[in-house]
Amino acid sequence: MAIAESELILNPDGSIYHLNLKPEHIADTIITVGDPDRVPHVTKYFDKIEHKVSKREFHTQTGVYKGQRLTVISTGIGTDNIDIVFNELDALVNIDFNTREIKKKHKALQIIRIGTSGAIQSNIPIDSFIVSEIAVGFDSLLHFYDSHHIQSPEISTALIKHLHWDKNKSLPYTVSFDEKLGNHMASDLAHKGVTVTNVGFYGPQGRILRLPIQDKELNDKMASFSYENKKITNLEMETAGIYGMAKLLGHKAVSMNAILANRATGEFSQNPKKIVDELIQYTLNKLVTM
């Protein structure tokens, strides 16, 4: 059955609405970054770049790194943008734009986030790497989809109880990384962790400038939570949405985090650009050894 024009929106040139991409423009392995300016910081290591396009916060470059075709795309900040990017990336490979019908043969993309994050455990050093093994979403994205089957409700239930969660907030959901991809990306330099995806940068992450927040002890309560000896390690704003959308759409995803801040100690990286660049190089080199 053909998908209506109001649901699958294409530009006059046949590209997908927000990303301005056609199916031939993307590789099967995709790196997502939040900041559009970070895209060229990744692709500067490529042997060649074959396609570039920009629209709003969505900047894309596709090229080749050590013989492997890769796409780098910026998502902007937050899981609302993840909803757009992942649905449109999936449409590019799993919907026929001519017939507007879902293809009979599903294609699974490999998607790797390279992003920045803040630790909430005092023993996690600044300028280290964390691979998100588990992601807890404090946003509401997955609640709009039939998604219970890809969640880990036992972790969410335990966390809700531990935090004495305010019923006026969206209930946390929990999703894990793609095990094969995640285990490959982890190493002695990039340890596995449990990542909380927040709906904002200030109040939702416990930062106080001029506005009072609803729960001043939220970060401390998160830091003291443990489930099967796994503790929450860091906070950011996209990973849970990435894991949820990837699993629902049948793709493989992992989130790589450069720890720029430690909220428990109050420290911030003295050279954030350097550590992000090191994570970019680490990720690229791990990808070509799969």
Protein backbone atom coordinates (compact mmCIF):
# COMPACT_ATOMS: atom_id res chain seq x y z
CA MET A 1 0.00 0.00 0.00
CA ALA A 2 1.40 3.38 -1.01
CA ILE A 3 2.32 5.79 1.77
CA ALA A 4 0.48 9.12 1.51
CA GLU A 5 2.32 12.25 0.40
CA SER A 6 1.51 13.90 3.75
CA GLU A 7 3.31 11.09 5.63
CA LEU A 8 6.34 10.42 3.40
CA ILE A 9 7.28 13.91 2.27
CA LEU A 10 9.69 14.26 -0.64
CA ASN A 11 11.27 17.39 -2.03
CA PRO A 12 10.77 18.33 -5.72
CA ASP A 13 14.13 16.74 -6.56
CA GLY A 14 13.06 13.43 -5.04
CA SER A 15 15.09 13.76 -1.83
CA ILE A 16 13.70 13.08 1.64
CA TYR A 17 12.11 16.16 3.21
CA HIS A 18 14.37 17.24 6.10
CA LEU A 19 17.69 15.59 5.25
CA ASN A 20 17.66 16.49 1.52
CA LEU A 21 19.14 13.09 0.75
CA LYS A 22 18.43 10.48 -1.92
CA PRO A 23 19.03 6.74 -1.33
CA GLU A 24 22.29 6.74 -3.28
CA HIS A 25 23.71 9.49 -1.08
CA ILE A 26 24.18 7.41 2.07
CA ALA A 27 26.41 4.50 3.08
CA ASP A 28 25.34 1.45 5.07
CA THR A 29 27.46 2.66 7.99
CA ILE A 30 26.48 6.06 9.38
CA ILE A 31 28.13 8.24 12.00
CA THR A 32 25.88 10.73 13.75
CA VAL A 33 27.13 13.85 15.50
CA GLY A 34 25.09 16.54 17.20
CA ASP A 35 26.97 19.63 16.05
CA PRO A 36 26.85 20.38 12.29
CA ASP A 37 30.35 21.84 12.58
CA ARG A 38 31.63 18.46 13.78
CA VAL A 39 30.84 16.77 10.46
CA PRO A 40 33.96 18.12 8.67
CA HIS A 41 36.03 17.30 11.77
CA VAL A 42 35.18 13.65 11.09
CA THR A 43 35.44 13.69 7.29
CA LYS A 44 38.80 15.50 7.27
CA TYR A 45 40.24 12.01 7.86
CA PHE A 46 38.47 10.54 4.83
CA ASP A 47 40.40 9.54 1.72
CA LYS A 48 37.72 11.19 -0.40
CA ILE A 49 34.30 12.83 -0.06
CA GLU A 50 31.74 12.06 -2.74
CA HIS A 51 28.64 13.93 -1.54
CA LYS A 52 27.80 16.92 0.65
CA VAL A 53 24.44 18.46 1.50
CA SER A 54 23.15 20.77 4.23
CA LYS A 55 19.66 21.75 5.35
CA ARG A 56 18.86 23.36 8.68
CA GLU A 57 20.90 21.54 11.37
CA PHE A 58 21.18 18.42 9.22
CA HIS A 59 24.57 18.42 7.47
CA THR A 60 25.66 15.27 5.65
CA GLN A 61 28.89 14.14 4.03
CA THR A 62 29.50 10.71 2.48
CA GLY A 63 32.91 9.44 1.53
CA VAL A 64 35.53 6.74 1.98
CA TYR A 65 37.83 6.07 4.95
CA LYS A 66 40.50 3.36 4.52
CA GLY A 67 38.40 1.66 1.86
CA GLN A 68 35.11 1.78 3.76
CA ARG A 69 32.23 3.96 2.59
CA LEU A 70 30.83 6.02 5.46
CA THR A 71 28.23 8.72 5.93
CA VAL A 72 28.50 11.41 8.61
CA ILE A 73 25.35 13.33 9.51
CA SER A 74 24.58 15.94 12.16
CA THR A 75 21.36 15.56 14.10
CA GLY A 76 21.32 18.71 16.17
CA ILE A 77 20.48 18.40 19.87
CA GLY A 78 17.80 16.20 21.39
CA THR A 79 15.66 13.14 20.72
CA ASP A 80 13.08 15.15 18.78
CA ASN A 81 15.70 15.50 16.05
CA ILE A 82 16.63 11.83 16.41
CA ASP A 83 13.02 10.98 15.53
CA ILE A 84 13.38 12.91 12.26
CA VAL A 85 16.84 11.66 11.33
CA PHE A 86 16.21 7.97 12.04
CA ASN A 87 12.85 7.81 10.33
CA GLU A 88 14.25 9.51 7.25
CA LEU A 89 17.45 7.44 7.15
CA ASP A 90 15.32 4.31 7.38
CA ALA A 91 13.03 5.55 4.63
CA LEU A 92 16.05 6.06 2.36
CA VAL A 93 16.91 2.35 2.51
CA ASN A 94 13.61 0.61 3.24
CA ILE A 95 10.98 2.53 1.26
CA ASP A 96 10.77 2.70 -2.54
CA PHE A 97 10.41 6.41 -3.30
CA ASN A 98 8.91 5.71 -6.73
CA THR A 99 6.07 3.45 -5.56
CA ARG A 100 5.97 4.90 -2.02
CA GLU A 101 5.78 1.34 -0.70
CA ILE A 102 7.84 -0.47 1.92
CA LYS A 103 10.47 -2.70 0.30
CA LYS A 104 10.06 -6.44 0.75
CA LYS A 105 13.72 -6.87 1.70
CA HIS A 106 14.77 -4.96 4.82
CA LYS A 107 18.18 -3.29 5.00
CA ALA A 108 19.84 -2.79 8.39
CA LEU A 109 22.06 0.23 8.81
CA GLN A 110 24.98 0.42 11.22
CA ILE A 111 24.77 3.71 13.15
CA ILE A 112 27.41 5.09 15.50
CA ARG A 113 26.96 8.25 17.55
CA ILE A 114 30.05 10.31 18.38
CA GLY A 115 29.05 12.78 21.05
CA THR A 116 29.98 14.63 24.22
CA SER A 117 28.74 13.85 27.69
CA GLY A 118 29.07 14.55 31.40
CA ALA A 119 29.90 11.91 34.01
CA ILE A 120 28.01 11.71 37.31
CA GLN A 121 30.38 9.28 39.08
CA SER A 122 33.37 10.97 40.72
CA ASN A 123 35.74 8.17 39.69
CA ILE A 124 35.15 8.64 35.93
CA PRO A 125 38.00 10.81 34.64
CA ILE A 126 37.62 13.83 32.42
CA ASP A 127 38.73 13.18 28.81
CA SER A 128 37.81 9.48 28.95
CA PHE A 129 35.50 7.53 26.62
CA ILE A 130 32.30 5.70 27.51
CA VAL A 131 30.40 3.28 25.27
CA SER A 132 26.73 3.35 26.26
CA GLU A 133 25.77 -0.27 26.94
CA ILE A 134 22.39 0.77 28.34
CA ALA A 135 20.51 4.02 27.78
CA VAL A 136 17.72 5.39 29.95
CA GLY A 137 15.45 7.94 28.30
CA PHE A 138 14.02 10.78 30.39
CA ASP A 139 12.38 12.13 27.23
CA SER A 140 9.06 10.80 25.93
CA LEU A 141 9.97 9.79 22.37
CA LEU A 142 9.52 6.02 22.62
CA HIS A 143 6.15 6.36 24.36
CA PHE A 144 4.71 7.58 21.05
CA TYR A 145 5.62 4.25 19.39
CA ASP A 146 4.61 0.64 20.00
CA SER A 147 7.92 0.00 21.72
CA HIS A 148 7.45 -2.06 24.88
CA HIS A 149 8.99 -5.14 23.24
CA ILE A 150 12.37 -3.46 22.72
CA GLN A 151 12.57 -1.90 26.18
CA SER A 152 14.01 -3.25 29.45
CA PRO A 153 11.15 -2.37 31.83
CA GLU A 154 12.75 -4.11 34.81
CA ILE A 155 15.52 -1.49 34.86
CA SER A 156 13.11 1.40 34.34
CA THR A 157 10.83 0.16 37.13
CA ALA A 158 13.72 -0.14 39.59
CA LEU A 159 15.00 3.33 38.66
CA ILE A 160 11.56 4.95 38.96
CA LYS A 161 11.25 3.51 42.46
CA HIS A 162 14.77 4.56 43.45
CA LEU A 163 14.29 8.13 42.24
CA HIS A 164 10.78 8.52 43.74
CA TRP A 165 9.90 9.69 40.24
CA ASP A 166 7.47 12.58 39.92
CA LYS A 167 4.37 11.24 38.13
CA ASN A 168 4.03 14.55 36.28
CA LYS A 169 7.18 13.75 34.30
CA SER A 170 7.43 11.33 31.39
CA LEU A 171 8.23 7.82 32.65
CA PRO A 172 11.82 6.75 31.96
CA TYR A 173 12.37 3.98 29.38
CA THR A 174 15.44 1.76 28.97
CA VAL A 175 17.04 0.37 25.79
CA SER A 176 20.38 -1.35 25.16
CA PHE A 177 23.00 -1.03 22.42
CA ASP A 178 23.46 -3.51 19.59
CA GLU A 179 25.51 -6.12 21.40
CA LYS A 180 27.85 -7.12 18.56
CA LEU A 181 28.56 -3.57 17.44
CA GLY A 182 28.82 -2.24 20.98
CA ASN A 183 31.19 -4.93 22.16
CA HIS A 184 33.42 -4.29 19.17
CA MET A 185 33.58 -0.56 19.85
CA ALA A 186 34.39 -1.05 23.56
CA SER A 187 37.97 -1.57 24.76
CA ASP A 188 40.37 -0.66 27.57
CA LEU A 189 40.18 2.89 26.19
CA ALA A 190 36.38 2.98 25.94
CA HIS A 191 34.59 1.39 28.87
CA LYS A 192 30.94 0.39 28.88
CA GLY A 193 28.49 2.49 30.88
CA VAL A 194 24.86 3.30 31.58
CA THR A 195 23.80 6.57 29.99
CA VAL A 196 20.83 8.77 30.88
CA THR A 197 19.37 10.78 28.01
CA ASN A 198 17.90 14.02 29.32
CA VAL A 199 15.24 16.18 27.71
CA GLY A 200 17.27 19.36 28.28
CA PHE A 201 20.74 20.65 29.20
CA TYR A 202 20.05 22.84 32.23
CA GLY A 203 17.19 21.96 34.59
CA PRO A 204 16.74 18.38 33.33
CA GLN A 205 20.44 17.74 34.04
CA GLY A 206 20.35 19.43 37.43
CA ARG A 207 22.05 22.68 36.39
CA ILE A 208 20.91 25.78 38.22
CA LEU A 209 21.54 29.25 36.81
CA ARG A 210 18.58 31.49 37.70
CA LEU A 211 15.72 28.98 37.72
CA PRO A 212 15.03 26.68 40.67
CA ILE A 213 14.64 23.00 39.76
CA GLN A 214 12.06 20.48 40.91
CA ASP A 215 14.55 17.97 42.39
CA LYS A 216 17.96 19.28 43.48
CA GLU A 217 19.06 15.77 44.48
CA LEU A 218 18.24 14.07 41.16
CA ASN A 219 21.86 13.67 40.00
CA ASP A 220 22.94 12.31 43.39
CA LYS A 221 20.06 9.85 43.39
CA MET A 222 20.95 8.72 39.87
CA ALA A 223 24.59 8.28 40.88
CA SER A 224 23.59 6.04 43.80
CA PHE A 225 21.36 3.79 41.65
CA SER A 226 22.62 0.30 40.80
CA TYR A 227 21.00 -2.52 38.86
CA GLU A 228 22.83 -5.86 38.69
CA ASN A 229 26.03 -4.02 39.66
CA LYS A 230 25.64 -1.51 36.83
CA LYS A 231 25.67 2.17 37.80
CA ILE A 232 24.57 5.21 35.82
CA THR A 233 27.76 6.71 34.44
CA ASN A 234 26.90 9.75 32.33
CA LEU A 235 24.30 12.18 31.01
CA GLU A 236 23.62 13.43 27.47
CA MET A 237 20.68 14.15 25.17
CA GLU A 238 20.33 11.66 22.27
CA THR A 239 21.45 8.09 23.06
CA ALA A 240 18.19 6.56 24.35
CA GLY A 241 16.31 7.90 21.35
CA ILE A 242 18.97 6.51 19.03
CA TYR A 243 18.83 3.06 20.61
CA GLY A 244 15.05 2.99 20.68
CA MET A 245 14.53 4.11 17.10
CA ALA A 246 17.31 1.83 15.83
CA LYS A 247 15.82 -1.25 17.46
CA LEU A 248 12.28 -0.43 16.34
CA LEU A 249 13.43 0.09 12.74
CA GLY A 250 15.77 -2.92 12.70
CA HIS A 251 19.10 -1.11 12.66
CA LYS A 252 22.27 -1.52 14.76
CA ALA A 253 23.38 1.36 16.97
CA VAL A 254 26.01 2.31 19.52
CA SER A 255 26.79 5.61 21.24
CA MET A 256 30.38 6.75 21.84
CA ASN A 257 30.76 9.44 24.51
CA ALA A 258 33.65 11.82 25.13
CA ILE A 259 33.49 12.78 28.81
CA LEU A 260 34.03 16.53 28.90
CA ALA A 261 32.53 17.24 32.32
CA ASN A 262 32.31 15.52 35.67
CA ARG A 263 29.20 16.78 37.44
CA ALA A 264 30.19 15.13 40.73
CA THR A 265 33.57 16.90 40.95
CA GLY A 266 32.67 20.07 39.05
CA GLU A 267 35.49 19.58 36.52
CA PHE A 268 35.43 20.39 32.81
CA SER A 269 37.92 19.38 30.15
CA GLN A 270 40.77 21.81 29.54
CA ASN A 271 40.93 20.79 25.88
CA PRO A 272 37.50 19.51 24.73
CA LYS A 273 38.33 19.74 21.01
CA LYS A 274 41.33 17.44 21.50
CA ILE A 275 39.38 14.72 23.29
CA VAL A 276 36.55 14.82 20.74
CA ASP A 277 39.10 14.52 17.95
CA GLU A 278 40.67 11.54 19.70
CA LEU A 279 37.26 9.88 19.97
CA ILE A 280 36.64 10.51 16.26
CA GLN A 281 39.92 8.82 15.32
CA TYR A 282 39.31 5.95 17.76
CA THR A 283 35.82 5.35 16.34
CA LEU A 284 36.90 5.49 12.70
CA ASN A 285 39.72 3.03 13.27
CA LYS A 286 37.48 0.62 15.19
CA LEU A 287 34.91 0.71 12.40
CA VAL A 288 37.36 -0.38 9.72
CA THR A 289 38.51 -3.37 11.79
CA MET A 290 35.09 -5.02 12.00
